[in-house]
């Protein structure tokens, strides 16, 4: 009788142990499948809130029209501009002498943080001198310049007397599309330029020119006259009344908001 109860006890213990092992294996397999899904799944797409914030206070896709998707005004294109193909469906080609587009919009560059962005492409003839893709008119000069600096052979975000060069970016090539973003923070007077979503240059500077006119696409203003015209293509211009975060810049560079 003792042997029989001992055998029964052993079988019961083994049965419980086997059930425990099976349960652990099943749980581990489920966790493994979940881990694979997380590791192999794509990152979530931009949510509605982020997409809305990345449109900014002004957004001009310039996809064969001057129609704004955000803000109150359409961009008015001068005779020196014509429509062409672009990375997101269309672009504005400027002739480098008289072509530009007036957005009819203004941002507070004196009292608030702000950011500006655009997709650009240079031509071989546009690799010397200064060529501005985005600026805002002041009385005698622009309040800011998002530009290409032939002197530095690179892109730059500038004020009169202060230039933030994209030193960490490779030298731009003609015929290639780039995404440029310039940001400014009033608290510490920090200006930054990003190229293709990556921080490429930063410095402290104070812009002293007060805005008196609109943000314009494809030229600057200097000594009271139009200057530094852009020869090449531009698309997807954005204006923001805040400083974009590095993550937002990367997101905007990779794809336009819906």
C-alpha atoms as a PDB file:
ATOM      1  CA  UNK A   1       0.000   0.000   0.000  1.00  0.00           C
ATOM      2  CA  UNK A   2       2.869   2.372   0.865  1.00  0.00           C
ATOM      3  CA  UNK A   3       4.477   1.793  -2.542  1.00  0.00           C
ATOM      4  CA  UNK A   4       1.152   2.454  -4.285  1.00  0.00           C
ATOM      5  CA  UNK A   5       0.655   5.821  -2.520  1.00  0.00           C
ATOM      6  CA  UNK A   6       4.264   6.780  -3.248  1.00  0.00           C
ATOM      7  CA  UNK A   7       3.752   6.068  -6.943  1.00  0.00           C
ATOM      8  CA  UNK A   8       0.496   8.035  -7.007  1.00  0.00           C
ATOM      9  CA  UNK A   9       2.217  10.994  -5.308  1.00  0.00           C
ATOM     10  CA  UNK A  10       5.090  10.939  -7.795  1.00  0.00           C
ATOM     11  CA  UNK A  11       2.715  10.908 -10.769  1.00  0.00           C
ATOM     12  CA  UNK A  12       0.739  13.842  -9.331  1.00  0.00           C
ATOM     13  CA  UNK A  13       3.899  15.884  -8.779  1.00  0.00           C
ATOM     14  CA  UNK A  14       5.113  15.158 -12.318  1.00  0.00           C
ATOM     15  CA  UNK A  15       1.724  16.117 -13.769  1.00  0.00           C
ATOM     16  CA  UNK A  16       1.751  19.484 -11.977  1.00  0.00           C
ATOM     17  CA  UNK A  17       5.345  20.156 -13.063  1.00  0.00           C
ATOM     18  CA  UNK A  18       4.542  19.303 -16.680  1.00  0.00           C
ATOM     19  CA  UNK A  19       1.530  21.621 -16.646  1.00  0.00           C
ATOM     20  CA  UNK A  20       3.694  24.445 -15.295  1.00  0.00           C
ATOM     21  CA  UNK A  21       6.342  23.946 -18.001  1.00  0.00           C
ATOM     22  CA  UNK A  22       3.722  23.938 -20.769  1.00  0.00           C
ATOM     23  CA  UNK A  23       2.154  27.131 -19.409  1.00  0.00           C
ATOM     24  CA  UNK A  24       5.535  28.887 -19.371  1.00  0.00           C
ATOM     25  CA  UNK A  25       6.312  27.797 -22.919  1.00  0.00           C
ATOM     26  CA  UNK A  26       2.981  29.098 -24.200  1.00  0.00           C
ATOM     27  CA  UNK A  27       3.451  32.405 -22.391  1.00  0.00           C
ATOM     28  CA  UNK A  28       6.987  32.776 -23.716  1.00  0.00           C
ATOM     29  CA  UNK A  29       5.858  32.085 -27.265  1.00  0.00           C
ATOM     30  CA  UNK A  30       3.160  34.730 -27.021  1.00  0.00           C
ATOM     31  CA  UNK A  31       5.635  37.288 -25.667  1.00  0.00           C
ATOM     32  CA  UNK A  32       8.065  36.432 -28.458  1.00  0.00           C
ATOM     33  CA  UNK A  33       5.450  36.990 -31.128  1.00  0.00           C
ATOM     34  CA  UNK A  34       4.517  40.307 -29.546  1.00  0.00           C
ATOM     35  CA  UNK A  35       8.173  41.338 -29.478  1.00  0.00           C
ATOM     36  CA  UNK A  36       8.573  40.442 -33.146  1.00  0.00           C
ATOM     37  CA  UNK A  37       5.548  42.528 -34.045  1.00  0.00           C
ATOM     38  CA  UNK A  38       6.941  45.527 -32.206  1.00  0.00           C
ATOM     39  CA  UNK A  39      10.428  45.148 -33.650  1.00  0.00           C
ATOM     40  CA  UNK A  40       9.337  44.539 -37.207  1.00  0.00           C
ATOM     41  CA  UNK A  41       6.338  46.863 -37.345  1.00  0.00           C
ATOM     42  CA  UNK A  42       6.586  50.276 -38.912  1.00  0.00           C
ATOM     43  CA  UNK A  43       6.581  53.375 -36.744  1.00  0.00           C
ATOM     44  CA  UNK A  44       3.197  55.025 -36.329  1.00  0.00           C
ATOM     45  CA  UNK A  45       2.263  57.611 -38.920  1.00  0.00           C
ATOM     46  CA  UNK A  46       1.945  61.295 -38.115  1.00  0.00           C
ATOM     47  CA  UNK A  47      -1.193  61.850 -36.068  1.00  0.00           C
ATOM     48  CA  UNK A  48      -3.796  64.505 -36.892  1.00  0.00           C
ATOM     49  CA  UNK A  49      -2.524  66.832 -34.176  1.00  0.00           C
ATOM     50  CA  UNK A  50       1.075  66.755 -35.350  1.00  0.00           C
ATOM     51  CA  UNK A  51       0.086  67.089 -39.004  1.00  0.00           C
ATOM     52  CA  UNK A  52      -1.998  70.150 -38.146  1.00  0.00           C
ATOM     53  CA  UNK A  53       0.854  71.753 -36.191  1.00  0.00           C
ATOM     54  CA  UNK A  54       3.346  71.149 -39.003  1.00  0.00           C
ATOM     55  CA  UNK A  55       1.214  73.056 -41.485  1.00  0.00           C
ATOM     56  CA  UNK A  56       2.196  76.223 -39.641  1.00  0.00           C
ATOM     57  CA  UNK A  57       0.577  79.638 -39.951  1.00  0.00           C
ATOM     58  CA  UNK A  58       1.366  79.635 -43.670  1.00  0.00           C
ATOM     59  CA  UNK A  59       1.961  76.774 -46.116  1.00  0.00           C
ATOM     60  CA  UNK A  60       2.493  77.254 -49.846  1.00  0.00           C
ATOM     61  CA  UNK A  61       3.047  73.906 -51.624  1.00  0.00           C
ATOM     62  CA  UNK A  62       3.638  75.729 -54.958  1.00  0.00           C
ATOM     63  CA  UNK A  63       2.380  72.695 -56.839  1.00  0.00           C
ATOM     64  CA  UNK A  64       1.548  74.518 -60.059  1.00  0.00           C
ATOM     65  CA  UNK A  65      -0.342  77.249 -58.226  1.00  0.00           C
ATOM     66  CA  UNK A  66       0.200  79.871 -55.543  1.00  0.00           C
ATOM     67  CA  UNK A  67      -2.603  78.515 -53.392  1.00  0.00           C
ATOM     68  CA  UNK A  68      -1.954  78.488 -49.668  1.00  0.00           C
ATOM     69  CA  UNK A  69      -3.022  75.512 -47.545  1.00  0.00           C
ATOM     70  CA  UNK A  70      -2.629  77.502 -44.347  1.00  0.00           C
ATOM     71  CA  UNK A  71      -2.749  81.201 -43.631  1.00  0.00           C
ATOM     72  CA  UNK A  72      -4.945  83.805 -45.287  1.00  0.00           C
ATOM     73  CA  UNK A  73      -3.177  84.696 -48.539  1.00  0.00           C
ATOM     74  CA  UNK A  74      -2.181  82.982 -51.762  1.00  0.00           C
ATOM     75  CA  UNK A  75       1.322  83.624 -53.064  1.00  0.00           C
ATOM     76  CA  UNK A  76       1.422  86.006 -56.049  1.00  0.00           C
ATOM     77  CA  UNK A  77       4.045  84.890 -58.575  1.00  0.00           C
ATOM     78  CA  UNK A  78       5.914  87.438 -60.692  1.00  0.00           C
ATOM     79  CA  UNK A  79       6.678  87.132 -64.401  1.00  0.00           C
ATOM     80  CA  UNK A  80      10.054  85.527 -63.693  1.00  0.00           C
ATOM     81  CA  UNK A  81       8.507  82.316 -62.353  1.00  0.00           C
ATOM     82  CA  UNK A  82       7.008  79.261 -64.026  1.00  0.00           C
ATOM     83  CA  UNK A  83       5.610  75.929 -62.855  1.00  0.00           C
ATOM     84  CA  UNK A  84       7.544  72.687 -63.093  1.00  0.00           C
ATOM     85  CA  UNK A  85       7.794  69.251 -61.496  1.00  0.00           C
ATOM     86  CA  UNK A  86       8.856  68.897 -57.869  1.00  0.00           C
ATOM     87  CA  UNK A  87       9.539  66.267 -55.204  1.00  0.00           C
ATOM     88  CA  UNK A  88       5.971  66.363 -53.851  1.00  0.00           C
ATOM     89  CA  UNK A  89       4.141  66.899 -57.146  1.00  0.00           C
ATOM     90  CA  UNK A  90       5.141  70.374 -58.341  1.00  0.00           C
ATOM     91  CA  UNK A  91       7.434  73.345 -57.813  1.00  0.00           C
ATOM     92  CA  UNK A  92       8.062  76.963 -58.769  1.00  0.00           C
ATOM     93  CA  UNK A  93      11.033  77.595 -61.062  1.00  0.00           C
ATOM     94  CA  UNK A  94      12.594  81.041 -60.697  1.00  0.00           C
ATOM     95  CA  UNK A  95      14.823  82.739 -63.273  1.00  0.00           C
ATOM     96  CA  UNK A  96      17.432  84.278 -60.917  1.00  0.00           C
ATOM     97  CA  UNK A  97      16.890  87.863 -62.088  1.00  0.00           C
ATOM     98  CA  UNK A  98      13.316  89.001 -61.463  1.00  0.00           C
ATOM     99  CA  UNK A  99      11.328  85.925 -60.447  1.00  0.00           C
ATOM    100  CA  UNK A 100       9.853  85.695 -56.958  1.00  0.00           C
ATOM    101  CA  UNK A 101       6.542  85.119 -55.159  1.00  0.00           C
ATOM    102  CA  UNK A 102       4.941  87.381 -52.549  1.00  0.00           C
ATOM    103  CA  UNK A 103       3.092  85.423 -49.852  1.00  0.00           C
ATOM    104  CA  UNK A 104       1.174  88.449 -48.571  1.00  0.00           C
ATOM    105  CA  UNK A 105       1.893  87.189 -45.038  1.00  0.00           C
ATOM    106  CA  UNK A 106       4.076  88.485 -42.224  1.00  0.00           C
ATOM    107  CA  UNK A 107       5.579  86.866 -39.139  1.00  0.00           C
ATOM    108  CA  UNK A 108       6.735  88.573 -35.944  1.00  0.00           C
ATOM    109  CA  UNK A 109      10.511  88.183 -36.133  1.00  0.00           C
ATOM    110  CA  UNK A 110      11.125  90.817 -33.442  1.00  0.00           C
ATOM    111  CA  UNK A 111       9.057  89.543 -30.520  1.00  0.00           C
ATOM    112  CA  UNK A 112       8.330  85.847 -31.046  1.00  0.00           C
ATOM    113  CA  UNK A 113      10.115  82.606 -31.765  1.00  0.00           C
ATOM    114  CA  UNK A 114       9.695  81.563 -35.397  1.00  0.00           C
ATOM    115  CA  UNK A 115      10.689  79.013 -38.027  1.00  0.00           C
ATOM    116  CA  UNK A 116      10.720  78.909 -41.822  1.00  0.00           C
ATOM    117  CA  UNK A 117      11.163  75.973 -44.190  1.00  0.00           C
ATOM    118  CA  UNK A 118      11.298  75.147 -47.910  1.00  0.00           C
ATOM    119  CA  UNK A 119      12.372  72.486 -50.390  1.00  0.00           C
ATOM    120  CA  UNK A 120      14.945  73.844 -52.831  1.00  0.00           C
ATOM    121  CA  UNK A 121      17.037  72.904 -55.840  1.00  0.00           C
ATOM    122  CA  UNK A 122      19.975  74.895 -57.183  1.00  0.00           C
ATOM    123  CA  UNK A 123      21.135  75.174 -60.780  1.00  0.00           C
ATOM    124  CA  UNK A 124      24.827  75.067 -61.788  1.00  0.00           C
ATOM    125  CA  UNK A 125      24.664  78.833 -62.466  1.00  0.00           C
ATOM    126  CA  UNK A 126      23.501  79.496 -58.911  1.00  0.00           C
ATOM    127  CA  UNK A 127      26.589  78.240 -57.075  1.00  0.00           C
ATOM    128  CA  UNK A 128      28.312  81.618 -56.628  1.00  0.00           C
ATOM    129  CA  UNK A 129      27.246  84.731 -54.761  1.00  0.00           C
ATOM    130  CA  UNK A 130      24.246  84.919 -52.442  1.00  0.00           C
ATOM    131  CA  UNK A 131      20.892  83.493 -53.477  1.00  0.00           C
ATOM    132  CA  UNK A 132      17.916  83.741 -51.124  1.00  0.00           C
ATOM    133  CA  UNK A 133      15.004  81.347 -51.252  1.00  0.00           C
ATOM    134  CA  UNK A 134      13.002  82.869 -48.388  1.00  0.00           C
ATOM    135  CA  UNK A 135      13.081  86.240 -46.630  1.00  0.00           C
ATOM    136  CA  UNK A 136      10.860  88.916 -45.106  1.00  0.00           C
ATOM    137  CA  UNK A 137      10.970  92.550 -46.170  1.00  0.00           C
ATOM    138  CA  UNK A 138      12.038  95.233 -43.761  1.00  0.00           C
ATOM    139  CA  UNK A 139      12.423  98.911 -44.605  1.00  0.00           C
ATOM    140  CA  UNK A 140      15.901  98.719 -46.162  1.00  0.00           C
ATOM    141  CA  UNK A 141      16.795  95.036 -45.761  1.00  0.00           C
ATOM    142  CA  UNK A 142      15.301  91.639 -45.041  1.00  0.00           C
ATOM    143  CA  UNK A 143      14.586  90.625 -41.465  1.00  0.00           C
ATOM    144  CA  UNK A 144      16.057  87.173 -42.214  1.00  0.00           C
ATOM    145  CA  UNK A 145      17.567  85.281 -45.153  1.00  0.00           C
ATOM    146  CA  UNK A 146      17.205  81.539 -45.778  1.00  0.00           C
ATOM    147  CA  UNK A 147      19.772  81.264 -48.529  1.00  0.00           C
ATOM    148  CA  UNK A 148      22.729  79.758 -50.309  1.00  0.00           C
ATOM    149  CA  UNK A 149      26.046  81.488 -49.614  1.00  0.00           C
ATOM    150  CA  UNK A 150      28.544  81.205 -52.454  1.00  0.00           C
ATOM    151  CA  UNK A 151      31.156  82.686 -50.139  1.00  0.00           C
ATOM    152  CA  UNK A 152      30.785  79.687 -47.831  1.00  0.00           C
ATOM    153  CA  UNK A 153      29.747  77.209 -50.541  1.00  0.00           C
ATOM    154  CA  UNK A 154      26.833  76.113 -48.392  1.00  0.00           C
ATOM    155  CA  UNK A 155      23.334  76.941 -47.187  1.00  0.00           C
ATOM    156  CA  UNK A 156      22.854  79.544 -44.468  1.00  0.00           C
ATOM    157  CA  UNK A 157      20.252  81.173 -42.239  1.00  0.00           C
ATOM    158  CA  UNK A 158      21.205  84.805 -41.821  1.00  0.00           C
ATOM    159  CA  UNK A 159      20.521  88.270 -40.463  1.00  0.00           C
ATOM    160  CA  UNK A 160      22.147  91.443 -41.722  1.00  0.00           C
ATOM    161  CA  UNK A 161      25.663  91.162 -40.267  1.00  0.00           C
ATOM    162  CA  UNK A 162      25.230  87.613 -38.915  1.00  0.00           C
ATOM    163  CA  UNK A 163      25.301  84.379 -40.895  1.00  0.00           C
ATOM    164  CA  UNK A 164      24.673  80.855 -39.606  1.00  0.00           C
ATOM    165  CA  UNK A 165      26.316  78.522 -42.107  1.00  0.00           C
ATOM    166  CA  UNK A 166      25.351  74.848 -42.460  1.00  0.00           C
ATOM    167  CA  UNK A 167      28.887  73.760 -41.576  1.00  0.00           C
ATOM    168  CA  UNK A 168      27.888  70.209 -40.634  1.00  0.00           C
ATOM    169  CA  UNK A 169      26.220  69.537 -43.998  1.00  0.00           C
ATOM    170  CA  UNK A 170      28.017  68.450 -47.133  1.00  0.00           C
ATOM    171  CA  UNK A 171      28.564  71.010 -49.866  1.00  0.00           C
ATOM    172  CA  UNK A 172      25.328  71.298 -51.861  1.00  0.00           C
ATOM    173  CA  UNK A 173      25.174  69.942 -55.398  1.00  0.00           C
ATOM    174  CA  UNK A 174      23.306  71.477 -58.309  1.00  0.00           C
ATOM    175  CA  UNK A 175      20.270  69.555 -59.488  1.00  0.00           C
ATOM    176  CA  UNK A 176      19.585  67.862 -56.126  1.00  0.00           C
ATOM    177  CA  UNK A 177      16.589  68.640 -53.921  1.00  0.00           C
ATOM    178  CA  UNK A 178      17.265  69.717 -50.316  1.00  0.00           C
ATOM    179  CA  UNK A 179      14.971  70.525 -47.424  1.00  0.00           C
ATOM    180  CA  UNK A 180      15.979  73.643 -45.460  1.00  0.00           C
ATOM    181  CA  UNK A 181      14.660  74.824 -42.097  1.00  0.00           C
ATOM    182  CA  UNK A 182      15.696  77.927 -40.179  1.00  0.00           C
ATOM    183  CA  UNK A 183      14.596  78.448 -36.563  1.00  0.00           C
ATOM    184  CA  UNK A 184      15.018  81.288 -34.077  1.00  0.00           C
ATOM    185  CA  UNK A 185      14.491  81.374 -30.305  1.00  0.00           C
ATOM    186  CA  UNK A 186      14.170  84.804 -28.724  1.00  0.00           C
ATOM    187  CA  UNK A 187      15.065  83.763 -25.157  1.00  0.00           C
ATOM    188  CA  UNK A 188      18.721  83.018 -25.886  1.00  0.00           C
ATOM    189  CA  UNK A 189      18.905  84.560 -29.381  1.00  0.00           C
ATOM    190  CA  UNK A 190      19.742  81.154 -30.830  1.00  0.00           C
ATOM    191  CA  UNK A 191      19.369  80.656 -34.566  1.00  0.00           C
ATOM    192  CA  UNK A 192      19.698  77.258 -36.229  1.00  0.00           C
ATOM    193  CA  UNK A 193      19.744  75.875 -39.740  1.00  0.00           C
ATOM    194  CA  UNK A 194      18.754  72.316 -40.595  1.00  0.00           C
ATOM    195  CA  UNK A 195      19.501  70.565 -43.897  1.00  0.00           C
ATOM    196  CA  UNK A 196      17.420  67.510 -44.795  1.00  0.00           C
ATOM    197  CA  UNK A 197      16.129  67.303 -41.229  1.00  0.00           C
ATOM    198  CA  UNK A 198      19.548  67.407 -39.524  1.00  0.00           C
ATOM    199  CA  UNK A 199      20.990  70.267 -37.494  1.00  0.00           C
ATOM    200  CA  UNK A 200      23.770  71.731 -39.620  1.00  0.00           C
ATOM    201  CA  UNK A 201      24.632  75.032 -37.951  1.00  0.00           C
ATOM    202  CA  UNK A 202      23.858  77.174 -34.880  1.00  0.00           C
ATOM    203  CA  UNK A 203      24.894  80.498 -33.369  1.00  0.00           C
ATOM    204  CA  UNK A 204      23.700  83.365 -31.208  1.00  0.00           C
ATOM    205  CA  UNK A 205      22.666  86.498 -33.062  1.00  0.00           C
ATOM    206  CA  UNK A 206      20.129  89.295 -32.822  1.00  0.00           C
ATOM    207  CA  UNK A 207      18.179  90.487 -35.830  1.00  0.00           C
ATOM    208  CA  UNK A 208      17.684  94.253 -35.614  1.00  0.00           C
ATOM    209  CA  UNK A 209      15.594  94.784 -38.772  1.00  0.00           C
ATOM    210  CA  UNK A 210      11.880  95.186 -38.081  1.00  0.00           C
ATOM    211  CA  UNK A 211       9.396  93.655 -40.506  1.00  0.00           C
ATOM    212  CA  UNK A 212       7.516  96.152 -42.645  1.00  0.00           C
ATOM    213  CA  UNK A 213       6.501  93.909 -45.537  1.00  0.00           C
ATOM    214  CA  UNK A 214       5.657  90.357 -46.494  1.00  0.00           C
ATOM    215  CA  UNK A 215       7.553  87.097 -46.523  1.00  0.00           C
ATOM    216  CA  UNK A 216       8.779  86.627 -50.086  1.00  0.00           C
ATOM    217  CA  UNK A 217       9.932  83.508 -51.919  1.00  0.00           C
ATOM    218  CA  UNK A 218      12.937  83.696 -54.205  1.00  0.00           C
ATOM    219  CA  UNK A 219      14.647  86.984 -53.356  1.00  0.00           C
ATOM    220  CA  UNK A 220      15.978  89.167 -50.556  1.00  0.00           C
ATOM    221  CA  UNK A 221      16.056  92.898 -49.901  1.00  0.00           C
ATOM    222  CA  UNK A 222      19.247  94.892 -49.353  1.00  0.00           C
ATOM    223  CA  UNK A 223      19.913  98.645 -49.403  1.00  0.00           C
ATOM    224  CA  UNK A 224      16.226  99.164 -50.116  1.00  0.00           C
ATOM    225  CA  UNK A 225      16.273  97.092 -53.309  1.00  0.00           C
ATOM    226  CA  UNK A 226      15.465  93.530 -54.371  1.00  0.00           C
ATOM    227  CA  UNK A 227      18.602  91.387 -54.278  1.00  0.00           C
ATOM    228  CA  UNK A 228      20.035  87.858 -54.262  1.00  0.00           C
ATOM    229  CA  UNK A 229      17.402  86.290 -56.516  1.00  0.00           C
ATOM    230  CA  UNK A 230      17.075  82.509 -56.503  1.00  0.00           C
ATOM    231  CA  UNK A 231      17.726  80.647 -59.754  1.00  0.00           C
ATOM    232  CA  UNK A 232      16.301  77.173 -59.440  1.00  0.00           C
ATOM    233  CA  UNK A 233      13.254  75.519 -57.936  1.00  0.00           C
ATOM    234  CA  UNK A 234      11.372  75.900 -54.662  1.00  0.00           C
ATOM    235  CA  UNK A 235       8.365  74.110 -53.159  1.00  0.00           C
ATOM    236  CA  UNK A 236       6.557  73.478 -49.857  1.00  0.00           C
ATOM    237  CA  UNK A 237       7.224  76.752 -48.086  1.00  0.00           C
ATOM    238  CA  UNK A 238       6.138  76.889 -44.424  1.00  0.00           C
ATOM    239  CA  UNK A 239       5.991  79.672 -41.827  1.00  0.00           C
ATOM    240  CA  UNK A 240       5.677  79.082 -38.063  1.00  0.00           C
ATOM    241  CA  UNK A 241       5.187  81.471 -35.149  1.00  0.00           C
ATOM    242  CA  UNK A 242       7.260  79.185 -32.900  1.00  0.00           C
ATOM    243  CA  UNK A 243      10.555  77.311 -32.859  1.00  0.00           C
ATOM    244  CA  UNK A 244      10.193  73.825 -34.347  1.00  0.00           C
ATOM    245  CA  UNK A 245      11.708  70.986 -32.330  1.00  0.00           C
ATOM    246  CA  UNK A 246      14.386  68.752 -33.913  1.00  0.00           C
ATOM    247  CA  UNK A 247      11.825  65.916 -34.142  1.00  0.00           C
ATOM    248  CA  UNK A 248       9.368  68.187 -35.928  1.00  0.00           C
ATOM    249  CA  UNK A 249      12.039  69.295 -38.375  1.00  0.00           C
ATOM    250  CA  UNK A 250      12.900  65.669 -39.168  1.00  0.00           C
ATOM    251  CA  UNK A 251       9.232  64.825 -39.663  1.00  0.00           C
ATOM    252  CA  UNK A 252       8.646  67.811 -41.946  1.00  0.00           C
ATOM    253  CA  UNK A 253      11.749  67.001 -43.955  1.00  0.00           C
ATOM    254  CA  UNK A 254      10.651  63.408 -44.556  1.00  0.00           C
ATOM    255  CA  UNK A 255       7.093  64.169 -45.707  1.00  0.00           C
ATOM    256  CA  UNK A 256       4.620  67.012 -45.988  1.00  0.00           C
ATOM    257  CA  UNK A 257       1.571  67.176 -43.673  1.00  0.00           C
ATOM    258  CA  UNK A 258      -1.702  65.774 -44.979  1.00  0.00           C
END
